[in-house]
Amino acid sequence: MVNVIRQIRADSCRFVALLFVAIAAAAMLTGCSSGYKQPPPPPASQPIADGLETPAFVAVLGAYPVPPVGWKLSNEGGDDRSHHTTWVSPTGRTAYGVVFFKLPFPVGHELALQYGFLPEMKKNAGEANLISKKWDEQIEGLRFEVEGGPYYIRTSFFVRGMQGWAIYAGTRRDQPIDEGELKLAEVAREKTVVNAKSE
């Protein structure tokens, strides 16, 4: 009987190990695609849309953020795994932000969202309720909306190899939405170029 139990335990351990290898392999295959279309870096001499600042490469974000004119830089920080920068509107009701993060190994968008971004948001904001999610072929990324603490964010989510970005337009849940500010934040989100190199 003891030998049977030992054999069952050994078989179970082998099964779990094989399952882990299979999941890791699948994650790497879905996250390693190198065929992503990247827009060219925006010109650094002029704004790319009305109401937005002139784009400038930010190395810690690996991106060209384009905050709305007159919005205040309110949060800038990070560590060796991630960096988060936020600009807040004059009313304080709306935000535009860029989050850059590194992954321990290449994974797909779903794993990065479910086991990375959402748990991190829940840890910082107290909750992370995913409201909607869809794959967008045009940007080759996920679009999702999520509630976290006092915020509601509308996010474009990109994973490229072992790096990722979340670019969002956010509003406060405890205040009325300023539609003009939200539209401007969404334009800024769409105009942000990621995975670009400084020239």
C-alpha atoms as a PDB file:
ATOM      1  CA  MET A   1       0.000   0.000   0.000  1.00  0.00           C
ATOM      2  CA  VAL A   2       2.844   2.378   0.870  1.00  0.00           C
ATOM      3  CA  ASN A   3       4.465   1.678  -2.497  1.00  0.00           C
ATOM      4  CA  VAL A   4       1.183   2.434  -4.288  1.00  0.00           C
ATOM      5  CA  ILE A   5       0.875   5.778  -2.492  1.00  0.00           C
ATOM      6  CA  ARG A   6       4.470   6.632  -3.360  1.00  0.00           C
ATOM      7  CA  GLN A   7       3.831   5.779  -7.001  1.00  0.00           C
ATOM      8  CA  ILE A   8       0.691   7.944  -7.060  1.00  0.00           C
ATOM      9  CA  ARG A   9       2.624  10.847  -5.548  1.00  0.00           C
ATOM     10  CA  ALA A  10       5.447  10.420  -8.073  1.00  0.00           C
ATOM     11  CA  ASP A  11       2.971  10.285 -10.963  1.00  0.00           C
ATOM     12  CA  SER A  12       1.216  13.390  -9.630  1.00  0.00           C
ATOM     13  CA  CYS A  13       4.495  15.294  -9.368  1.00  0.00           C
ATOM     14  CA  ARG A  14       5.439  14.336 -12.932  1.00  0.00           C
ATOM     15  CA  PHE A  15       2.002  15.419 -14.170  1.00  0.00           C
ATOM     16  CA  VAL A  16       2.245  18.814 -12.443  1.00  0.00           C
ATOM     17  CA  ALA A  17       5.757  19.342 -13.828  1.00  0.00           C
ATOM     18  CA  LEU A  18       4.635  18.469 -17.357  1.00  0.00           C
ATOM     19  CA  LEU A  19       1.602  20.729 -17.003  1.00  0.00           C
ATOM     20  CA  PHE A  20       3.814  23.626 -15.896  1.00  0.00           C
ATOM     21  CA  VAL A  21       6.163  23.083 -18.842  1.00  0.00           C
ATOM     22  CA  ALA A  22       3.211  22.974 -21.247  1.00  0.00           C
ATOM     23  CA  ILE A  23       1.736  26.200 -19.847  1.00  0.00           C
ATOM     24  CA  ALA A  24       5.114  27.949 -19.956  1.00  0.00           C
ATOM     25  CA  ALA A  25       5.694  26.807 -23.540  1.00  0.00           C
ATOM     26  CA  ALA A  26       2.255  27.999 -24.615  1.00  0.00           C
ATOM     27  CA  ALA A  27       2.800  31.325 -22.872  1.00  0.00           C
ATOM     28  CA  MET A  28       6.128  31.801 -24.616  1.00  0.00           C
ATOM     29  CA  LEU A  29       4.659  30.971 -27.996  1.00  0.00           C
ATOM     30  CA  THR A  30       1.826  33.459 -27.569  1.00  0.00           C
ATOM     31  CA  GLY A  31       4.099  36.167 -26.211  1.00  0.00           C
ATOM     32  CA  CYS A  32       7.073  35.902 -28.558  1.00  0.00           C
ATOM     33  CA  SER A  33       5.515  36.996 -31.810  1.00  0.00           C
ATOM     34  CA  SER A  34       7.869  39.417 -33.516  1.00  0.00           C
ATOM     35  CA  GLY A  35       5.526  40.410 -36.332  1.00  0.00           C
ATOM     36  CA  TYR A  36       3.977  43.387 -34.561  1.00  0.00           C
ATOM     37  CA  LYS A  37       3.358  46.420 -36.697  1.00  0.00           C
ATOM     38  CA  GLN A  38       4.859  49.481 -35.064  1.00  0.00           C
ATOM     39  CA  PRO A  39       3.987  53.006 -36.107  1.00  0.00           C
ATOM     40  CA  PRO A  40       7.003  55.207 -36.760  1.00  0.00           C
ATOM     41  CA  PRO A  41       8.101  57.450 -33.902  1.00  0.00           C
ATOM     42  CA  PRO A  42       6.240  60.759 -34.033  1.00  0.00           C
ATOM     43  CA  PRO A  43       8.112  63.856 -35.198  1.00  0.00           C
ATOM     44  CA  ALA A  44       9.711  65.595 -32.247  1.00  0.00           C
ATOM     45  CA  SER A  45       9.193  69.109 -33.595  1.00  0.00           C
ATOM     46  CA  GLN A  46       5.432  69.566 -33.509  1.00  0.00           C
ATOM     47  CA  PRO A  47       2.279  68.342 -31.712  1.00  0.00           C
ATOM     48  CA  ILE A  48       0.607  65.347 -33.341  1.00  0.00           C
ATOM     49  CA  ALA A  49      -2.962  66.381 -32.460  1.00  0.00           C
ATOM     50  CA  ASP A  50      -4.754  69.496 -31.270  1.00  0.00           C
ATOM     51  CA  GLY A  51      -4.560  69.893 -27.512  1.00  0.00           C
ATOM     52  CA  LEU A  52      -1.599  67.534 -27.013  1.00  0.00           C
ATOM     53  CA  GLU A  53       1.992  68.293 -26.081  1.00  0.00           C
ATOM     54  CA  THR A  54       4.802  67.741 -28.550  1.00  0.00           C
ATOM     55  CA  PRO A  55       5.923  64.084 -28.230  1.00  0.00           C
ATOM     56  CA  ALA A  56       9.248  63.362 -26.547  1.00  0.00           C
ATOM     57  CA  PHE A  57      10.832  59.994 -25.880  1.00  0.00           C
ATOM     58  CA  VAL A  58      10.851  58.947 -22.196  1.00  0.00           C
ATOM     59  CA  ALA A  59      13.418  56.196 -21.684  1.00  0.00           C
ATOM     60  CA  VAL A  60      11.988  54.780 -18.430  1.00  0.00           C
ATOM     61  CA  LEU A  61       8.640  54.310 -20.204  1.00  0.00           C
ATOM     62  CA  GLY A  62      10.067  53.094 -23.513  1.00  0.00           C
ATOM     63  CA  ALA A  63       7.474  55.310 -25.171  1.00  0.00           C
ATOM     64  CA  TYR A  64       6.560  58.694 -26.594  1.00  0.00           C
ATOM     65  CA  PRO A  65       3.830  59.950 -24.234  1.00  0.00           C
ATOM     66  CA  VAL A  66       1.741  62.894 -25.465  1.00  0.00           C
ATOM     67  CA  PRO A  67      -0.025  64.431 -22.459  1.00  0.00           C
ATOM     68  CA  PRO A  68      -2.740  67.022 -23.039  1.00  0.00           C
ATOM     69  CA  VAL A  69      -1.571  70.620 -22.880  1.00  0.00           C
ATOM     70  CA  GLY A  70      -1.928  72.085 -19.401  1.00  0.00           C
ATOM     71  CA  TRP A  71      -2.329  68.754 -17.602  1.00  0.00           C
ATOM     72  CA  LYS A  72      -0.150  68.388 -14.532  1.00  0.00           C
ATOM     73  CA  LEU A  73       2.343  65.597 -13.969  1.00  0.00           C
ATOM     74  CA  SER A  74       1.005  64.100 -10.753  1.00  0.00           C
ATOM     75  CA  ASN A  75       2.567  60.683 -10.382  1.00  0.00           C
ATOM     76  CA  GLU A  76       5.938  59.477 -11.551  1.00  0.00           C
ATOM     77  CA  GLY A  77       7.616  56.495  -9.996  1.00  0.00           C
ATOM     78  CA  GLY A  78       8.661  52.923 -10.316  1.00  0.00           C
ATOM     79  CA  ASP A  79      11.226  50.286  -9.562  1.00  0.00           C
ATOM     80  CA  ASP A  80      13.404  47.881 -11.519  1.00  0.00           C
ATOM     81  CA  ARG A  81      10.306  46.071 -12.868  1.00  0.00           C
ATOM     82  CA  SER A  82       7.921  48.886 -13.756  1.00  0.00           C
ATOM     83  CA  HIS A  83       7.417  52.610 -14.147  1.00  0.00           C
ATOM     84  CA  HIS A  84       4.150  54.568 -13.983  1.00  0.00           C
ATOM     85  CA  THR A  85       3.601  58.169 -15.068  1.00  0.00           C
ATOM     86  CA  THR A  86       0.283  60.017 -14.828  1.00  0.00           C
ATOM     87  CA  TRP A  87      -0.915  63.433 -15.950  1.00  0.00           C
ATOM     88  CA  VAL A  88      -4.057  64.897 -14.351  1.00  0.00           C
ATOM     89  CA  SER A  89      -6.478  67.376 -15.911  1.00  0.00           C
ATOM     90  CA  PRO A  90      -7.104  70.864 -14.478  1.00  0.00           C
ATOM     91  CA  THR A  91     -10.381  69.701 -12.880  1.00  0.00           C
ATOM     92  CA  GLY A  92      -8.724  66.683 -11.281  1.00  0.00           C
ATOM     93  CA  ARG A  93     -11.461  64.424 -12.687  1.00  0.00           C
ATOM     94  CA  THR A  94      -9.523  62.922 -15.592  1.00  0.00           C
ATOM     95  CA  ALA A  95      -6.099  61.367 -16.078  1.00  0.00           C
ATOM     96  CA  TYR A  96      -3.893  60.089 -18.868  1.00  0.00           C
ATOM     97  CA  GLY A  97      -1.171  57.641 -17.957  1.00  0.00           C
ATOM     98  CA  VAL A  98       1.499  55.284 -19.228  1.00  0.00           C
ATOM     99  CA  VAL A  99       2.631  52.186 -17.345  1.00  0.00           C
ATOM    100  CA  PHE A 100       5.714  50.291 -18.501  1.00  0.00           C
ATOM    101  CA  PHE A 101       6.520  46.884 -17.021  1.00  0.00           C
ATOM    102  CA  LYS A 102       8.995  44.052 -17.466  1.00  0.00           C
ATOM    103  CA  LEU A 103       8.054  40.389 -17.466  1.00  0.00           C
ATOM    104  CA  PRO A 104      10.149  37.544 -16.000  1.00  0.00           C
ATOM    105  CA  PHE A 105       9.661  35.608 -19.248  1.00  0.00           C
ATOM    106  CA  PRO A 106       7.611  36.128 -22.419  1.00  0.00           C
ATOM    107  CA  VAL A 107       3.876  35.615 -21.925  1.00  0.00           C
ATOM    108  CA  GLY A 108       0.756  36.519 -23.851  1.00  0.00           C
ATOM    109  CA  HIS A 109      -1.555  39.445 -23.169  1.00  0.00           C
ATOM    110  CA  GLU A 110      -4.065  37.379 -21.164  1.00  0.00           C
ATOM    111  CA  LEU A 111      -1.540  36.038 -18.664  1.00  0.00           C
ATOM    112  CA  ALA A 112       0.094  39.444 -18.282  1.00  0.00           C
ATOM    113  CA  LEU A 113      -3.306  41.009 -17.593  1.00  0.00           C
ATOM    114  CA  GLN A 114      -4.773  38.355 -15.289  1.00  0.00           C
ATOM    115  CA  TYR A 115      -1.641  37.509 -13.286  1.00  0.00           C
ATOM    116  CA  GLY A 116       0.290  40.764 -13.493  1.00  0.00           C
ATOM    117  CA  PHE A 117      -1.597  43.977 -14.121  1.00  0.00           C
ATOM    118  CA  LEU A 118      -4.891  43.258 -12.330  1.00  0.00           C
ATOM    119  CA  PRO A 119      -3.340  41.829  -9.122  1.00  0.00           C
ATOM    120  CA  GLU A 120      -0.943  44.792  -8.992  1.00  0.00           C
ATOM    121  CA  MET A 121      -3.838  47.218  -9.426  1.00  0.00           C
ATOM    122  CA  LYS A 122      -5.827  45.447  -6.715  1.00  0.00           C
ATOM    123  CA  LYS A 123      -2.843  45.668  -4.364  1.00  0.00           C
ATOM    124  CA  ASN A 124      -2.487  49.413  -4.954  1.00  0.00           C
ATOM    125  CA  ALA A 125      -6.137  50.491  -5.319  1.00  0.00           C
ATOM    126  CA  GLY A 126      -7.886  47.909  -3.146  1.00  0.00           C
ATOM    127  CA  GLU A 127      -9.865  46.424  -6.036  1.00  0.00           C
ATOM    128  CA  ALA A 128      -9.582  45.697  -9.751  1.00  0.00           C
ATOM    129  CA  ASN A 129     -12.943  44.830 -11.304  1.00  0.00           C
ATOM    130  CA  LEU A 130     -12.607  43.994 -14.987  1.00  0.00           C
ATOM    131  CA  ILE A 131     -15.669  45.469 -16.735  1.00  0.00           C
ATOM    132  CA  SER A 132     -14.925  44.657 -20.374  1.00  0.00           C
ATOM    133  CA  LYS A 133     -12.108  43.253 -22.498  1.00  0.00           C
ATOM    134  CA  LYS A 134     -11.543  42.663 -26.203  1.00  0.00           C
ATOM    135  CA  TRP A 135      -8.687  42.005 -28.587  1.00  0.00           C
ATOM    136  CA  ASP A 136      -8.087  44.785 -31.108  1.00  0.00           C
ATOM    137  CA  GLU A 137      -6.346  43.597 -34.258  1.00  0.00           C
ATOM    138  CA  GLN A 138      -5.578  47.155 -35.378  1.00  0.00           C
ATOM    139  CA  ILE A 139      -3.370  47.885 -32.385  1.00  0.00           C
ATOM    140  CA  GLU A 140      -2.381  44.236 -31.856  1.00  0.00           C
ATOM    141  CA  GLY A 141      -3.261  44.541 -28.208  1.00  0.00           C
ATOM    142  CA  LEU A 142      -6.023  44.244 -25.641  1.00  0.00           C
ATOM    143  CA  ARG A 143      -8.487  46.982 -24.872  1.00  0.00           C
ATOM    144  CA  PHE A 144     -10.076  46.725 -21.456  1.00  0.00           C
ATOM    145  CA  GLU A 145     -11.965  48.793 -18.910  1.00  0.00           C
ATOM    146  CA  VAL A 146     -11.494  48.287 -15.196  1.00  0.00           C
ATOM    147  CA  GLU A 147     -12.618  49.825 -11.910  1.00  0.00           C
ATOM    148  CA  GLY A 148      -9.990  50.222  -9.233  1.00  0.00           C
ATOM    149  CA  GLY A 149     -10.647  52.162  -6.047  1.00  0.00           C
ATOM    150  CA  PRO A 150     -11.897  55.632  -6.983  1.00  0.00           C
ATOM    151  CA  TYR A 151     -10.865  55.236 -10.624  1.00  0.00           C
ATOM    152  CA  TYR A 152     -12.343  53.884 -13.855  1.00  0.00           C
ATOM    153  CA  ILE A 153      -9.718  53.374 -16.547  1.00  0.00           C
ATOM    154  CA  ARG A 154      -9.998  52.666 -20.267  1.00  0.00           C
ATOM    155  CA  THR A 155      -6.794  50.936 -21.289  1.00  0.00           C
ATOM    156  CA  SER A 156      -4.815  49.887 -24.337  1.00  0.00           C
ATOM    157  CA  PHE A 157      -2.603  46.989 -23.248  1.00  0.00           C
ATOM    158  CA  PHE A 158       0.457  45.816 -25.171  1.00  0.00           C
ATOM    159  CA  VAL A 159       2.865  42.932 -24.578  1.00  0.00           C
ATOM    160  CA  ARG A 160       6.000  42.729 -26.706  1.00  0.00           C
ATOM    161  CA  GLY A 161       8.300  39.892 -25.709  1.00  0.00           C
ATOM    162  CA  MET A 162       9.366  40.490 -22.118  1.00  0.00           C
ATOM    163  CA  GLN A 163       8.009  44.048 -21.942  1.00  0.00           C
ATOM    164  CA  GLY A 164       4.553  45.517 -21.717  1.00  0.00           C
ATOM    165  CA  TRP A 165       2.635  48.777 -21.577  1.00  0.00           C
ATOM    166  CA  ALA A 166      -0.725  49.921 -20.279  1.00  0.00           C
ATOM    167  CA  ILE A 167      -1.805  53.283 -21.663  1.00  0.00           C
ATOM    168  CA  TYR A 168      -4.994  54.629 -20.202  1.00  0.00           C
ATOM    169  CA  ALA A 169      -7.586  57.365 -20.012  1.00  0.00           C
ATOM    170  CA  GLY A 170      -9.020  57.427 -16.516  1.00  0.00           C
ATOM    171  CA  THR A 171     -11.830  59.152 -14.684  1.00  0.00           C
ATOM    172  CA  ARG A 172     -12.826  59.382 -11.038  1.00  0.00           C
ATOM    173  CA  ARG A 173     -15.853  57.296 -10.103  1.00  0.00           C
ATOM    174  CA  ASP A 174     -16.877  59.704  -7.341  1.00  0.00           C
ATOM    175  CA  GLN A 175     -17.153  62.734  -9.638  1.00  0.00           C
ATOM    176  CA  PRO A 176     -19.074  63.593 -12.819  1.00  0.00           C
ATOM    177  CA  ILE A 177     -17.232  62.767 -16.045  1.00  0.00           C
ATOM    178  CA  ASP A 178     -15.945  65.732 -18.004  1.00  0.00           C
ATOM    179  CA  GLU A 179     -16.591  64.456 -21.534  1.00  0.00           C
ATOM    180  CA  GLY A 180     -14.207  66.951 -23.155  1.00  0.00           C
ATOM    181  CA  GLU A 181     -11.346  65.939 -20.894  1.00  0.00           C
ATOM    182  CA  LEU A 182     -12.067  62.247 -21.349  1.00  0.00           C
ATOM    183  CA  LYS A 183     -12.064  62.581 -25.131  1.00  0.00           C
ATOM    184  CA  LEU A 184      -8.718  64.405 -24.982  1.00  0.00           C
ATOM    185  CA  ALA A 185      -7.245  61.702 -22.726  1.00  0.00           C
ATOM    186  CA  GLU A 186      -8.445  59.019 -25.147  1.00  0.00           C
ATOM    187  CA  VAL A 187      -6.842  60.849 -28.092  1.00  0.00           C
ATOM    188  CA  ALA A 188      -3.584  61.007 -26.099  1.00  0.00           C
ATOM    189  CA  ARG A 189      -3.845  57.267 -25.407  1.00  0.00           C
ATOM    190  CA  GLU A 190      -4.320  56.490 -29.105  1.00  0.00           C
ATOM    191  CA  LYS A 191      -1.442  58.731 -30.181  1.00  0.00           C
ATOM    192  CA  THR A 192       1.091  57.277 -27.716  1.00  0.00           C
ATOM    193  CA  VAL A 193       3.799  55.237 -29.433  1.00  0.00           C
ATOM    194  CA  VAL A 194       5.427  52.407 -27.457  1.00  0.00           C
ATOM    195  CA  ASN A 195       8.448  50.170 -27.939  1.00  0.00           C
ATOM    196  CA  ALA A 196      10.304  52.985 -29.663  1.00  0.00           C
ATOM    197  CA  LYS A 197      13.975  53.898 -29.416  1.00  0.00           C
ATOM    198  CA  SER A 198      15.293  57.359 -28.724  1.00  0.00           C
ATOM    199  CA  GLU A 199      17.064  58.867 -31.675  1.00  0.00           C
END
